[in-house]
PDB file of N, CA and C in Angstrom:
ATOM      1  N   MET A   1      12.500  10.138  -0.437  1.00  0.00           N
ATOM      2  CA  MET A   1      11.385   9.396   0.047  1.00  0.00           C
ATOM      3  C   MET A   1      10.046  10.025  -0.283  1.00  0.00           C
ATOM      4  N   THR A   2       9.355   9.799  -0.713  1.00  0.00           N
ATOM      5  CA  THR A   2       7.696   9.647  -0.937  1.00  0.00           C
ATOM      6  C   THR A   2       6.765   9.534  -0.473  1.00  0.00           C
ATOM      7  N   THR A   3       5.793   9.795   0.024  1.00  0.00           N
ATOM      8  CA  THR A   3       5.380   9.093   1.440  1.00  0.00           C
ATOM      9  C   THR A   3       3.466   9.836   0.634  1.00  0.00           C
ATOM     10  N   LYS A   4       2.409   9.278   1.219  1.00  0.00           N
ATOM     11  CA  LYS A   4       1.005   9.512   0.958  1.00  0.00           C
ATOM     12  C   LYS A   4       0.135   8.853   1.922  1.00  0.00           C
ATOM     13  N   GLU A   5      -0.229   9.266   2.470  1.00  0.00           N
ATOM     14  CA  GLU A   5      -1.275   9.215   3.419  1.00  0.00           C
ATOM     15  C   GLU A   5      -2.828   8.907   3.033  1.00  0.00           C
ATOM     16  N   ILE A   6      -3.186   7.647   3.036  1.00  0.00           N
ATOM     17  CA  ILE A   6      -4.592   7.109   2.318  1.00  0.00           C
ATOM     18  C   ILE A   6      -5.414   6.389   3.706  1.00  0.00           C
ATOM     19  N   ILE A   7      -6.723   6.884   3.505  1.00  0.00           N
ATOM     20  CA  ILE A   7      -7.640   6.608   4.440  1.00  0.00           C
ATOM     21  C   ILE A   7      -8.073   4.990   3.571  1.00  0.00           C
ATOM     22  N   MET A   8      -8.464   4.083   4.313  1.00  0.00           N
ATOM     23  CA  MET A   8      -8.326   2.676   3.979  1.00  0.00           C
ATOM     24  C   MET A   8     -10.469   3.039   3.692  1.00  0.00           C
ATOM     25  N   ARG A   9     -11.181   2.409   2.426  1.00  0.00           N
ATOM     26  CA  ARG A   9     -12.381   2.329   2.326  1.00  0.00           C
ATOM     27  C   ARG A   9     -12.722   1.040   2.782  1.00  0.00           C
ATOM     28  N   GLN A  10     -12.246   0.121   3.019  1.00  0.00           N
ATOM     29  CA  GLN A  10     -12.870  -1.325   3.097  1.00  0.00           C
ATOM     30  C   GLN A  10     -11.758  -1.644   4.631  1.00  0.00           C
ATOM     31  N   ASN A  11     -12.590  -2.530   4.695  1.00  0.00           N
ATOM     32  CA  ASN A  11     -11.830  -3.677   6.211  1.00  0.00           C
ATOM     33  C   ASN A  11     -10.737  -4.459   5.658  1.00  0.00           C
ATOM     34  N   GLY A  12      -9.320  -4.354   5.945  1.00  0.00           N
ATOM     35  CA  GLY A  12      -8.705  -5.153   5.531  1.00  0.00           C
ATOM     36  C   GLY A  12      -8.436  -5.422   3.815  1.00  0.00           C
ATOM     37  N   PHE A  13      -7.581  -6.481   3.134  1.00  0.00           N
ATOM     38  CA  PHE A  13      -7.160  -6.249   1.840  1.00  0.00           C
ATOM     39  C   PHE A  13      -7.739  -7.581   1.338  1.00  0.00           C
ATOM     40  N   HIS A  14      -8.825  -7.766   0.660  1.00  0.00           N
ATOM     41  CA  HIS A  14      -9.087  -8.920  -0.313  1.00  0.00           C
ATOM     42  C   HIS A  14      -8.141  -9.697  -0.944  1.00  0.00           C
ATOM     43  N   VAL A  15      -8.042 -10.584  -1.319  1.00  0.00           N
ATOM     44  CA  VAL A  15      -6.892 -11.537  -1.965  1.00  0.00           C
ATOM     45  C   VAL A  15      -7.182 -10.616  -3.424  1.00  0.00           C
ATOM     46  N   LEU A  16      -7.564 -10.320  -4.431  1.00  0.00           N
ATOM     47  CA  LEU A  16      -7.580  -9.883  -5.148  1.00  0.00           C
ATOM     48  C   LEU A  16      -7.259  -8.374  -5.641  1.00  0.00           C
ATOM     49  N   PHE A  17      -7.326  -7.676  -4.362  1.00  0.00           N
ATOM     50  CA  PHE A  17      -7.059  -6.466  -4.531  1.00  0.00           C
ATOM     51  C   PHE A  17      -5.477  -6.406  -4.054  1.00  0.00           C
ATOM     52  N   ALA A  18      -5.558  -7.556  -3.101  1.00  0.00           N
ATOM     53  CA  ALA A  18      -3.525  -7.417  -2.371  1.00  0.00           C
ATOM     54  C   ALA A  18      -2.682  -8.216  -4.037  1.00  0.00           C
ATOM     55  N   LYS A  19      -3.526  -8.938  -4.357  1.00  0.00           N
ATOM     56  CA  LYS A  19      -2.777  -9.363  -5.993  1.00  0.00           C
ATOM     57  C   LYS A  19      -2.234  -8.444  -6.805  1.00  0.00           C
ATOM     58  N   LYS A  20      -3.601  -7.553  -7.112  1.00  0.00           N
ATOM     59  CA  LYS A  20      -3.351  -6.299  -7.871  1.00  0.00           C
ATOM     60  C   LYS A  20      -2.494  -5.334  -7.329  1.00  0.00           C
ATOM     61  N   LEU A  21      -2.786  -4.961  -5.986  1.00  0.00           N
ATOM     62  CA  LEU A  21      -1.823  -4.010  -5.530  1.00  0.00           C
ATOM     63  C   LEU A  21      -0.469  -4.288  -5.681  1.00  0.00           C
ATOM     64  N   THR A  22       0.094  -5.674  -5.118  1.00  0.00           N
ATOM     65  CA  THR A  22       1.321  -6.116  -5.371  1.00  0.00           C
ATOM     66  C   THR A  22       2.251  -6.229  -6.699  1.00  0.00           C
ATOM     67  N   THR A  23       1.256  -6.432  -7.487  1.00  0.00           N
ATOM     68  CA  THR A  23       1.806  -6.524  -8.997  1.00  0.00           C
ATOM     69  C   THR A  23       2.235  -5.600  -9.664  1.00  0.00           C
ATOM     70  N   ALA A  24       1.060  -4.338  -9.037  1.00  0.00           N
ATOM     71  CA  ALA A  24       1.304  -3.013  -9.421  1.00  0.00           C
ATOM     72  C   ALA A  24       2.742  -2.762  -9.115  1.00  0.00           C
ATOM     73  N   ALA A  25       3.039  -2.492  -7.785  1.00  0.00           N
ATOM     74  CA  ALA A  25       4.125  -2.324  -7.006  1.00  0.00           C
ATOM     75  C   ALA A  25       5.409  -3.279  -7.450  1.00  0.00           C
ATOM     76  N   ALA A  26       5.225  -4.515  -7.758  1.00  0.00           N
ATOM     77  CA  ALA A  26       6.191  -5.105  -8.402  1.00  0.00           C
ATOM     78  C   ALA A  26       7.144  -4.895  -9.519  1.00  0.00           C
ATOM     79  N   SER A  27       6.178  -3.893 -10.415  1.00  0.00           N
ATOM     80  CA  SER A  27       6.606  -2.921 -11.674  1.00  0.00           C
ATOM     81  C   SER A  27       7.516  -1.823 -11.230  1.00  0.00           C
ATOM     82  N   PHE A  28       7.800  -1.405 -10.167  1.00  0.00           N
ATOM     83  CA  PHE A  28       8.726  -0.104  -9.642  1.00  0.00           C
ATOM     84  C   PHE A  28      10.206  -0.936  -9.269  1.00  0.00           C
ATOM     85  N   GLU A  29      10.861   0.073  -9.391  1.00  0.00           N
ATOM     86  CA  GLU A  29      12.106  -0.321  -9.163  1.00  0.00           C
ATOM     87  C   GLU A  29      12.295  -0.116  -7.399  1.00  0.00           C
ATOM     88  N   SER A  30      11.735   0.901  -6.831  1.00  0.00           N
ATOM     89  CA  SER A  30      11.602   1.468  -5.796  1.00  0.00           C
ATOM     90  C   SER A  30      11.272   0.507  -5.034  1.00  0.00           C
ATOM     91  N   GLU A  31      11.502   0.943  -3.160  1.00  0.00           N
ATOM     92  CA  GLU A  31      10.907   0.219  -2.256  1.00  0.00           C
ATOM     93  C   GLU A  31       9.735   0.640  -2.076  1.00  0.00           C
ATOM     94  N   ILE A  32       8.890   0.253  -1.385  1.00  0.00           N
ATOM     95  CA  ILE A  32       7.432   0.059  -1.631  1.00  0.00           C
ATOM     96  C   ILE A  32       6.598  -0.480  -0.021  1.00  0.00           C
ATOM     97  N   ARG A  33       6.646   0.389   0.789  1.00  0.00           N
ATOM     98  CA  ARG A  33       6.159   0.231   2.127  1.00  0.00           C
ATOM     99  C   ARG A  33       4.412   0.302   2.846  1.00  0.00           C
ATOM    100  N   ILE A  34       3.704  -0.356   3.232  1.00  0.00           N
ATOM    101  CA  ILE A  34       2.571   0.219   4.138  1.00  0.00           C
ATOM    102  C   ILE A  34       2.891   0.351   4.971  1.00  0.00           C
ATOM    103  N   VAL A  35       2.715   1.367   5.499  1.00  0.00           N
ATOM    104  CA  VAL A  35       2.789   1.886   7.117  1.00  0.00           C
ATOM    105  C   VAL A  35       1.585   2.198   7.807  1.00  0.00           C
ATOM    106  N   TRP A  36       1.250   1.404   8.863  1.00  0.00           N
ATOM    107  CA  TRP A  36       0.308   1.372   9.916  1.00  0.00           C
ATOM    108  C   TRP A  36       0.891   1.963  11.183  1.00  0.00           C
ATOM    109  N   GLN A  37       0.802   3.236  11.106  1.00  0.00           N
ATOM    110  CA  GLN A  37       1.379   4.078  12.375  1.00  0.00           C
ATOM    111  C   GLN A  37       0.898   3.103  13.426  1.00  0.00           C
ATOM    112  N   ALA A  38      -0.689   3.674  13.623  1.00  0.00           N
ATOM    113  CA  ALA A  38      -1.009   3.429  15.049  1.00  0.00           C
ATOM    114  C   ALA A  38      -0.616   2.247  15.544  1.00  0.00           C
ATOM    115  N   LYS A  39      -0.732   1.183  15.103  1.00  0.00           N
ATOM    116  CA  LYS A  39      -0.080  -0.284  15.428  1.00  0.00           C
ATOM    117  C   LYS A  39       1.845  -0.727  15.000  1.00  0.00           C
ATOM    118  N   ASN A  40       2.420   0.213  14.668  1.00  0.00           N
ATOM    119  CA  ASN A  40       3.390   0.145  14.365  1.00  0.00           C
ATOM    120  C   ASN A  40       3.867  -0.849  13.626  1.00  0.00           C
ATOM    121  N   VAL A  41       3.100  -0.912  12.472  1.00  0.00           N
ATOM    122  CA  VAL A  41       3.298  -2.053  11.465  1.00  0.00           C
ATOM    123  C   VAL A  41       3.606  -1.654  10.241  1.00  0.00           C
ATOM    124  N   ILE A  42       4.907  -2.148   9.787  1.00  0.00           N
ATOM    125  CA  ILE A  42       5.185  -1.797   8.354  1.00  0.00           C
ATOM    126  C   ILE A  42       5.096  -3.239   7.190  1.00  0.00           C
ATOM    127  N   SER A  43       4.627  -2.576   6.232  1.00  0.00           N
ATOM    128  CA  SER A  43       4.676  -3.970   5.422  1.00  0.00           C
ATOM    129  C   SER A  43       5.149  -3.523   3.783  1.00  0.00           C
ATOM    130  N   ASP A  44       5.589  -4.815   3.564  1.00  0.00           N
ATOM    131  CA  ASP A  44       6.559  -4.742   2.122  1.00  0.00           C
ATOM    132  C   ASP A  44       5.286  -4.535   0.991  1.00  0.00           C
ATOM    133  N   ALA A  45       5.020  -3.498   0.471  1.00  0.00           N
ATOM    134  CA  ALA A  45       4.039  -3.534  -0.723  1.00  0.00           C
ATOM    135  C   ALA A  45       3.876  -4.925  -1.533  1.00  0.00           C
ATOM    136  N   LYS A  46       5.169  -5.203  -1.600  1.00  0.00           N
ATOM    137  CA  LYS A  46       5.282  -6.112  -2.593  1.00  0.00           C
ATOM    138  C   LYS A  46       4.780  -7.809  -2.378  1.00  0.00           C
ATOM    139  N   SER A  47       4.738  -7.725  -0.995  1.00  0.00           N
ATOM    140  CA  SER A  47       4.484  -8.717  -0.847  1.00  0.00           C
ATOM    141  C   SER A  47       2.888  -9.342  -0.276  1.00  0.00           C
ATOM    142  N   ILE A  48       2.485 -10.178  -1.122  1.00  0.00           N
ATOM    143  CA  ILE A  48       0.649 -10.511  -1.065  1.00  0.00           C
ATOM    144  C   ILE A  48       0.477 -11.166   0.346  1.00  0.00           C
ATOM    145  N   LEU A  49       1.217 -11.647   1.346  1.00  0.00           N
ATOM    146  CA  LEU A  49       1.077 -12.294   2.618  1.00  0.00           C
ATOM    147  C   LEU A  49       1.162 -10.907   3.558  1.00  0.00           C
ATOM    148  N   GLY A  50       2.559 -10.365   2.945  1.00  0.00           N
ATOM    149  CA  GLY A  50       2.737  -9.193   4.348  1.00  0.00           C
ATOM    150  C   GLY A  50       1.219  -8.042   3.920  1.00  0.00           C
ATOM    151  N   VAL A  51       0.689  -7.770   2.743  1.00  0.00           N
ATOM    152  CA  VAL A  51      -0.317  -7.006   2.698  1.00  0.00           C
ATOM    153  C   VAL A  51      -1.517  -7.592   3.341  1.00  0.00           C
ATOM    154  N   MET A  52      -1.962  -8.453   3.089  1.00  0.00           N
ATOM    155  CA  MET A  52      -3.202  -9.216   3.667  1.00  0.00           C
ATOM    156  C   MET A  52      -2.723  -9.463   4.792  1.00  0.00           C
ATOM    157  N   ALA A  53      -1.789  -9.499   5.969  1.00  0.00           N
ATOM    158  CA  ALA A  53      -1.525  -9.744   7.075  1.00  0.00           C
ATOM    159  C   ALA A  53      -1.800  -7.805   7.863  1.00  0.00           C
ATOM    160  N   LEU A  54      -1.905  -7.142   7.268  1.00  0.00           N
ATOM    161  CA  LEU A  54      -2.281  -5.565   8.233  1.00  0.00           C
ATOM    162  C   LEU A  54      -3.660  -5.474   8.612  1.00  0.00           C
ATOM    163  N   ASP A  55      -4.463  -6.503   7.973  1.00  0.00           N
ATOM    164  CA  ASP A  55      -5.765  -6.437   8.655  1.00  0.00           C
ATOM    165  C   ASP A  55      -6.617  -4.841   9.001  1.00  0.00           C
ATOM    166  N   VAL A  56      -6.379  -3.739   8.458  1.00  0.00           N
ATOM    167  CA  VAL A  56      -6.536  -2.968   8.726  1.00  0.00           C
ATOM    168  C   VAL A  56      -8.403  -2.683   8.730  1.00  0.00           C
ATOM    169  N   THR A  57      -8.701  -1.715   9.481  1.00  0.00           N
ATOM    170  CA  THR A  57     -10.209  -1.910   9.026  1.00  0.00           C
ATOM    171  C   THR A  57     -10.647  -0.209   8.528  1.00  0.00           C
ATOM    172  N   LYS A  58     -11.764   0.025   7.813  1.00  0.00           N
ATOM    173  CA  LYS A  58     -12.194   0.363   7.329  1.00  0.00           C
ATOM    174  C   LYS A  58     -11.985   2.071   7.814  1.00  0.00           C
ATOM    175  N   GLY A  59     -11.976   3.361   7.446  1.00  0.00           N
ATOM    176  CA  GLY A  59     -11.228   4.666   8.153  1.00  0.00           C
ATOM    177  C   GLY A  59     -10.027   4.757   8.799  1.00  0.00           C
ATOM    178  N   THR A  60      -8.983   3.706   8.488  1.00  0.00           N
ATOM    179  CA  THR A  60      -7.839   3.381   9.119  1.00  0.00           C
ATOM    180  C   THR A  60      -6.793   4.020   8.256  1.00  0.00           C
ATOM    181  N   PRO A  61      -6.098   4.978   8.926  1.00  0.00           N
ATOM    182  CA  PRO A  61      -5.345   5.988   7.793  1.00  0.00           C
ATOM    183  C   PRO A  61      -4.418   5.223   7.818  1.00  0.00           C
ATOM    184  N   VAL A  62      -3.359   4.446   6.794  1.00  0.00           N
ATOM    185  CA  VAL A  62      -2.193   4.175   6.390  1.00  0.00           C
ATOM    186  C   VAL A  62      -1.228   5.065   5.613  1.00  0.00           C
ATOM    187  N   THR A  63       0.018   5.055   5.639  1.00  0.00           N
ATOM    188  CA  THR A  63       0.713   5.540   4.664  1.00  0.00           C
ATOM    189  C   THR A  63       1.315   4.827   3.648  1.00  0.00           C
ATOM    190  N   LEU A  64       1.502   5.030   2.487  1.00  0.00           N
ATOM    191  CA  LEU A  64       1.972   4.545   1.211  1.00  0.00           C
ATOM    192  C   LEU A  64       3.291   5.080   0.896  1.00  0.00           C
ATOM    193  N   THR A  65       5.060   4.717   1.343  1.00  0.00           N
ATOM    194  CA  THR A  65       6.071   5.356   1.171  1.00  0.00           C
ATOM    195  C   THR A  65       6.630   4.584   0.166  1.00  0.00           C
ATOM    196  N   ALA A  66       7.417   4.896  -0.550  1.00  0.00           N
ATOM    197  CA  ALA A  66       8.134   4.739  -1.637  1.00  0.00           C
ATOM    198  C   ALA A  66       9.824   5.300  -1.413  1.00  0.00           C
ATOM    199  N   GLU A  67      11.021   4.473  -1.731  1.00  0.00           N
ATOM    200  CA  GLU A  67      12.347   4.911  -2.065  1.00  0.00           C
ATOM    201  C   GLU A  67      12.808   4.318  -3.158  1.00  0.00           C
ATOM    202  N   GLY A  68      13.331   5.607  -4.166  1.00  0.00           N
ATOM    203  CA  GLY A  68      14.024   4.729  -4.996  1.00  0.00           C
ATOM    204  C   GLY A  68      13.447   5.833  -6.049  1.00  0.00           C
ATOM    205  N   PRO A  69      14.376   4.859  -7.104  1.00  0.00           N
ATOM    206  CA  PRO A  69      14.467   6.104  -8.600  1.00  0.00           C
ATOM    207  C   PRO A  69      12.768   6.647  -8.937  1.00  0.00           C
ATOM    208  N   ASP A  70      12.278   5.336  -9.082  1.00  0.00           N
ATOM    209  CA  ASP A  70      10.490   5.852  -9.395  1.00  0.00           C
ATOM    210  C   ASP A  70       9.758   6.227  -8.866  1.00  0.00           C
ATOM    211  N   GLU A  71      10.541   6.643  -7.445  1.00  0.00           N
ATOM    212  CA  GLU A  71       9.517   6.470  -6.125  1.00  0.00           C
ATOM    213  C   GLU A  71       7.858   7.467  -6.247  1.00  0.00           C
ATOM    214  N   GLU A  72       8.270   8.273  -6.914  1.00  0.00           N
ATOM    215  CA  GLU A  72       7.023   9.504  -6.919  1.00  0.00           C
ATOM    216  C   GLU A  72       5.909   9.047  -7.769  1.00  0.00           C
ATOM    217  N   ARG A  73       6.465   8.308  -8.975  1.00  0.00           N
ATOM    218  CA  ARG A  73       5.435   7.614  -9.674  1.00  0.00           C
ATOM    219  C   ARG A  73       5.049   6.390  -9.330  1.00  0.00           C
ATOM    220  N   ALA A  74       5.243   5.554  -8.532  1.00  0.00           N
ATOM    221  CA  ALA A  74       5.159   4.341  -7.662  1.00  0.00           C
ATOM    222  C   ALA A  74       4.361   4.668  -6.593  1.00  0.00           C
ATOM    223  N   VAL A  75       4.507   5.972  -6.034  1.00  0.00           N
ATOM    224  CA  VAL A  75       2.938   6.375  -5.028  1.00  0.00           C
ATOM    225  C   VAL A  75       2.261   6.702  -5.767  1.00  0.00           C
ATOM    226  N   GLU A  76       1.865   7.707  -6.832  1.00  0.00           N
ATOM    227  CA  GLU A  76       0.824   8.402  -7.461  1.00  0.00           C
ATOM    228  C   GLU A  76       0.381   7.083  -8.144  1.00  0.00           C
ATOM    229  N   GLU A  77       0.740   6.282  -8.524  1.00  0.00           N
ATOM    230  CA  GLU A  77      -0.282   5.271  -9.089  1.00  0.00           C
ATOM    231  C   GLU A  77      -0.591   3.803  -8.252  1.00  0.00           C
ATOM    232  N   LEU A  78      -0.218   3.935  -7.047  1.00  0.00           N
ATOM    233  CA  LEU A  78      -0.485   3.203  -6.119  1.00  0.00           C
ATOM    234  C   LEU A  78      -1.215   3.670  -5.562  1.00  0.00           C
ATOM    235  N   ALA A  79      -1.720   4.866  -5.079  1.00  0.00           N
ATOM    236  CA  ALA A  79      -2.415   5.878  -4.442  1.00  0.00           C
ATOM    237  C   ALA A  79      -3.914   5.350  -5.230  1.00  0.00           C
ATOM    238  N   VAL A  80      -4.055   5.645  -6.847  1.00  0.00           N
ATOM    239  CA  VAL A  80      -4.726   5.629  -7.370  1.00  0.00           C
ATOM    240  C   VAL A  80      -5.732   3.885  -7.441  1.00  0.00           C
ATOM    241  N   LEU A  81      -5.124   3.240  -6.946  1.00  0.00           N
ATOM    242  CA  LEU A  81      -5.671   1.457  -6.918  1.00  0.00           C
ATOM    243  C   LEU A  81      -6.120   1.608  -5.763  1.00  0.00           C
ATOM    244  N   PHE A  82      -5.882   2.512  -4.521  1.00  0.00           N
ATOM    245  CA  PHE A  82      -6.661   2.288  -3.169  1.00  0.00           C
ATOM    246  C   PHE A  82      -7.534   3.564  -3.259  1.00  0.00           C
ATOM    247  N   ASP A  83      -7.992   4.249  -4.144  1.00  0.00           N
ATOM    248  CA  ASP A  83      -8.652   5.401  -4.131  1.00  0.00           C
ATOM    249  C   ASP A  83      -9.971   4.741  -4.883  1.00  0.00           C
ATOM    250  N   HIS A  84      -9.242   3.459  -5.819  1.00  0.00           N
ATOM    251  CA  HIS A  84     -10.841   3.027  -6.908  1.00  0.00           C
ATOM    252  C   HIS A  84     -11.082   1.386  -5.768  1.00  0.00           C
ATOM    253  N   TYR A  85     -10.474   1.369  -5.025  1.00  0.00           N
ATOM    254  CA  TYR A  85     -10.750  -0.157  -4.016  1.00  0.00           C
ATOM    255  C   TYR A  85     -11.994   0.268  -3.279  1.00  0.00           C
ATOM    256  N   GLU A  86     -13.095  -1.149  -3.743  1.00  0.00           N
ATOM    257  CA  GLU A  86     -14.209  -0.965  -3.390  1.00  0.00           C
ATOM    258  C   GLU A  86     -14.218  -2.701  -2.600  1.00  0.00           C
TER     259      GLU A  86
END
């Protein structure tokens, strides 16, 4: 399993970012999750409803996890999306 902690730069996930994230996540074979440990919530990064339901606030740490044949590349590429999320 590959993981990376990400600090949210915005409040929640607006629909355009959620669509971009889930589309990118769907291109990988690995299972990809977004984990909000403070609330013990795990969301499937390939589910737009799951991603939007997280409702995290700016400054919240979440963990991106991937498990599967392309897990390292998945985490690296999706982390870049979070870095550019405005």
